[in-house]
Amino acid sequence: MRRKDREMDENFAMGVADRCEYAVLSMTDTQGQPYCVPISIVREGRAVYFHCAKAGKKTEAMRKNPRVCIACVGDTCRALHEFTTEYESAVIRGMAEEVMGEEEKIHALRLLCERHVPTNMENFDKELNRSLAVTAVWKVTMDSITGKRKKYDKNGEEMKYGRMEQD
């Protein structure tokens, strides 16, 4: 990381992954070209789960080369009168594998739904019965996670190298 003064610890990075609305999965496609796609994620420990179709460019790419990178963007705030943005981000690197066991697959789908649509959980079992057979679930086991942030305190000073705002 070039801007070490904005580096945050692993716990901060995990929190960004837990809070991000969506993440971007980057991989190498089957022709060796870069390929990325937005995904909805959920993290459990050092595993990140997401769902997708059972076939397509993304699944072909991960089957050929399971090394992936996931970028997560948390809170951002554009400055109105300056050329800067406050932000928080996390970058996860790891190995992707398709979840084949039904128990883990259902567990991951439940975690995803609890995170992204908690107000609709009463329909989870019905939707699961309808779509389980045609839905793939992938798990990325983290090799590393890094976090970065640019944020100003209430006095307008940038909080460098992990400094958190004091009340």
Protein backbone atom coordinates (compact mmCIF):
# COMPACT_ATOMS: atom_id res chain seq x y z
CA MET A 1 0.00 0.00 0.00
CA ARG A 2 1.49 3.28 -1.11
CA ARG A 3 -0.35 5.54 1.36
CA LYS A 4 0.69 3.88 4.62
CA ASP A 5 -0.59 6.94 6.48
CA ARG A 6 -4.14 5.91 5.50
CA GLU A 7 -3.75 2.20 6.24
CA MET A 8 -6.16 0.72 8.78
CA ASP A 9 -5.96 -2.52 10.71
CA GLU A 10 -7.52 -5.84 9.75
CA ASN A 11 -10.50 -5.40 12.09
CA PHE A 12 -11.35 -2.12 10.36
CA ALA A 13 -11.06 -3.81 6.96
CA MET A 14 -13.35 -6.65 8.08
CA GLY A 15 -15.88 -4.05 9.22
CA VAL A 16 -15.82 -2.36 5.81
CA ALA A 17 -16.46 -5.75 4.16
CA ASP A 18 -19.33 -6.31 6.59
CA ARG A 19 -20.90 -2.89 5.88
CA CYS A 20 -20.41 -2.45 2.14
CA GLU A 21 -23.58 -2.43 0.07
CA TYR A 22 -21.87 -4.43 -2.65
CA ALA A 23 -18.33 -5.43 -3.58
CA VAL A 24 -16.46 -5.87 -6.86
CA LEU A 25 -15.03 -9.30 -7.63
CA SER A 26 -11.95 -9.21 -9.86
CA MET A 27 -10.52 -12.22 -11.64
CA THR A 28 -8.85 -13.31 -14.85
CA ASP A 29 -11.20 -14.54 -17.56
CA THR A 30 -10.61 -17.70 -19.58
CA GLN A 31 -8.66 -15.74 -22.24
CA GLY A 32 -6.31 -14.31 -19.60
CA GLN A 33 -7.96 -10.87 -19.61
CA PRO A 34 -8.99 -8.90 -16.50
CA TYR A 35 -12.65 -9.26 -15.60
CA CYS A 36 -14.65 -7.79 -12.73
CA VAL A 37 -18.26 -7.83 -11.65
CA PRO A 38 -20.26 -6.38 -8.73
CA ILE A 39 -21.53 -8.91 -6.19
CA SER A 40 -23.44 -8.96 -2.91
CA ILE A 41 -21.29 -10.50 -0.18
CA VAL A 42 -21.43 -11.70 3.37
CA ARG A 43 -18.41 -12.48 5.53
CA GLU A 44 -18.14 -15.20 8.14
CA GLY A 45 -14.73 -15.33 9.77
CA ARG A 46 -12.14 -15.38 6.99
CA ALA A 47 -14.64 -16.57 4.38
CA VAL A 48 -16.65 -14.40 2.01
CA TYR A 49 -19.74 -15.86 0.38
CA PHE A 50 -21.68 -14.73 -2.67
CA HIS A 51 -24.25 -16.30 -4.97
CA CYS A 52 -24.58 -16.33 -8.74
CA ALA A 53 -25.81 -18.40 -11.66
CA LYS A 54 -24.37 -21.87 -12.08
CA ALA A 55 -22.98 -21.01 -15.51
CA GLY A 56 -21.48 -17.93 -17.09
CA LYS A 57 -18.29 -15.96 -17.58
CA LYS A 58 -17.67 -15.47 -13.86
CA THR A 59 -17.99 -19.15 -12.97
CA GLU A 60 -15.86 -20.21 -15.95
CA ALA A 61 -13.16 -17.73 -14.94
CA MET A 62 -13.08 -18.88 -11.29
CA ARG A 63 -13.01 -22.53 -12.27
CA LYS A 64 -10.00 -21.89 -14.50
CA ASN A 65 -8.16 -19.60 -12.05
CA PRO A 66 -9.59 -19.46 -8.52
CA ARG A 67 -7.29 -16.58 -7.42
CA VAL A 68 -9.55 -13.57 -6.93
CA CYS A 69 -9.57 -10.11 -5.44
CA ILE A 70 -12.61 -8.42 -3.88
CA ALA A 71 -12.81 -4.64 -3.44
CA CYS A 72 -15.24 -3.29 -0.85
CA VAL A 73 -16.14 0.39 -0.50
CA GLY A 74 -17.74 1.58 2.71
CA ASP A 75 -18.85 5.09 3.63
CA THR A 76 -17.86 7.88 1.28
CA CYS A 77 -18.38 11.64 1.44
CA ARG A 78 -17.47 14.00 -1.38
CA ALA A 79 -16.11 17.35 -0.29
CA LEU A 80 -18.26 20.15 -1.66
CA HIS A 81 -15.56 22.82 -1.96
CA GLU A 82 -12.39 20.74 -2.36
CA PHE A 83 -11.15 18.14 -4.79
CA THR A 84 -11.19 15.19 -2.40
CA THR A 85 -13.40 12.44 -1.04
CA GLU A 86 -13.55 10.83 2.37
CA TYR A 87 -13.73 7.06 1.99
CA GLU A 88 -13.12 3.68 3.56
CA SER A 89 -12.19 0.58 1.64
CA ALA A 90 -11.05 -3.00 2.03
CA VAL A 91 -9.29 -5.29 -0.44
CA ILE A 92 -9.57 -9.04 0.02
CA ARG A 93 -7.34 -11.50 -1.80
CA GLY A 94 -8.01 -15.20 -1.73
CA MET A 95 -9.04 -18.45 -3.37
CA ALA A 96 -12.56 -19.01 -4.67
CA GLU A 97 -14.27 -22.37 -4.55
CA GLU A 98 -17.82 -23.36 -5.36
CA VAL A 99 -19.75 -24.53 -2.31
CA MET A 100 -20.96 -28.02 -3.13
CA GLY A 101 -22.38 -29.20 0.20
CA GLU A 102 -26.08 -28.40 0.54
CA GLU A 103 -25.83 -27.57 4.26
CA GLU A 104 -23.07 -24.97 3.76
CA LYS A 105 -24.82 -23.61 0.66
CA ILE A 106 -28.08 -23.04 2.56
CA HIS A 107 -26.16 -21.55 5.49
CA ALA A 108 -24.40 -19.08 3.17
CA LEU A 109 -27.64 -18.13 1.41
CA ARG A 110 -29.31 -17.54 4.77
CA LEU A 111 -26.40 -15.32 5.86
CA LEU A 112 -26.61 -13.37 2.59
CA CYS A 113 -30.35 -12.84 2.95
CA GLU A 114 -30.13 -11.90 6.63
CA ARG A 115 -27.55 -9.29 5.72
CA HIS A 116 -29.08 -7.83 2.57
CA VAL A 117 -32.85 -8.36 2.94
CA PRO A 118 -33.51 -8.96 6.67
CA THR A 119 -37.08 -7.65 6.37
CA ASN A 120 -38.01 -10.49 3.99
CA MET A 121 -36.74 -13.52 5.92
CA GLU A 122 -40.26 -14.90 6.34
CA ASN A 123 -40.08 -15.80 2.63
CA PHE A 124 -36.61 -17.36 2.78
CA ASP A 125 -37.68 -21.03 2.88
CA LYS A 126 -40.15 -20.59 0.01
CA GLU A 127 -37.55 -18.85 -2.16
CA LEU A 128 -34.89 -21.40 -1.18
CA ASN A 129 -37.14 -24.27 -2.34
CA ARG A 130 -37.74 -22.47 -5.65
CA SER A 131 -34.15 -21.48 -6.45
CA LEU A 132 -31.66 -23.71 -4.62
CA ALA A 133 -31.18 -26.08 -7.54
CA VAL A 134 -30.33 -23.27 -9.99
CA THR A 135 -28.22 -21.10 -7.66
CA ALA A 136 -24.48 -21.40 -7.18
CA VAL A 137 -22.76 -20.26 -4.00
CA TRP A 138 -19.07 -19.42 -3.95
CA LYS A 139 -16.75 -19.06 -1.00
CA VAL A 140 -13.57 -17.00 -1.06
CA THR A 141 -11.12 -18.01 1.65
CA MET A 142 -9.05 -14.97 2.52
CA ASP A 143 -5.30 -15.00 2.05
CA SER A 144 -5.18 -11.34 3.07
CA ILE A 145 -7.37 -8.33 3.78
CA THR A 146 -6.20 -4.73 3.89
CA GLY A 147 -8.06 -1.58 4.84
CA LYS A 148 -7.62 2.04 3.96
CA ARG A 149 -9.40 5.24 4.95
CA LYS A 150 -9.36 8.96 4.37
CA LYS A 151 -11.43 10.76 6.97
CA TYR A 152 -11.38 14.10 8.74
CA ASP A 153 -12.13 14.66 12.42
CA LYS A 154 -14.58 17.28 13.68
CA ASN A 155 -11.76 19.86 13.62
CA GLY A 156 -11.03 19.25 9.94
CA GLU A 157 -7.75 17.35 10.49
CA GLU A 158 -7.18 14.16 8.55
CA MET A 159 -7.06 11.16 10.87
CA LYS A 160 -3.86 9.40 9.84
CA TYR A 161 -2.72 5.79 10.32
CA GLY A 162 -5.69 4.30 12.09
CA ARG A 163 -6.50 7.24 14.37
CA MET A 164 -10.16 7.13 15.28
CA GLU A 165 -12.19 10.20 16.18
CA GLN A 166 -12.43 10.88 19.89
CA ASP A 167 -15.72 12.12 21.33
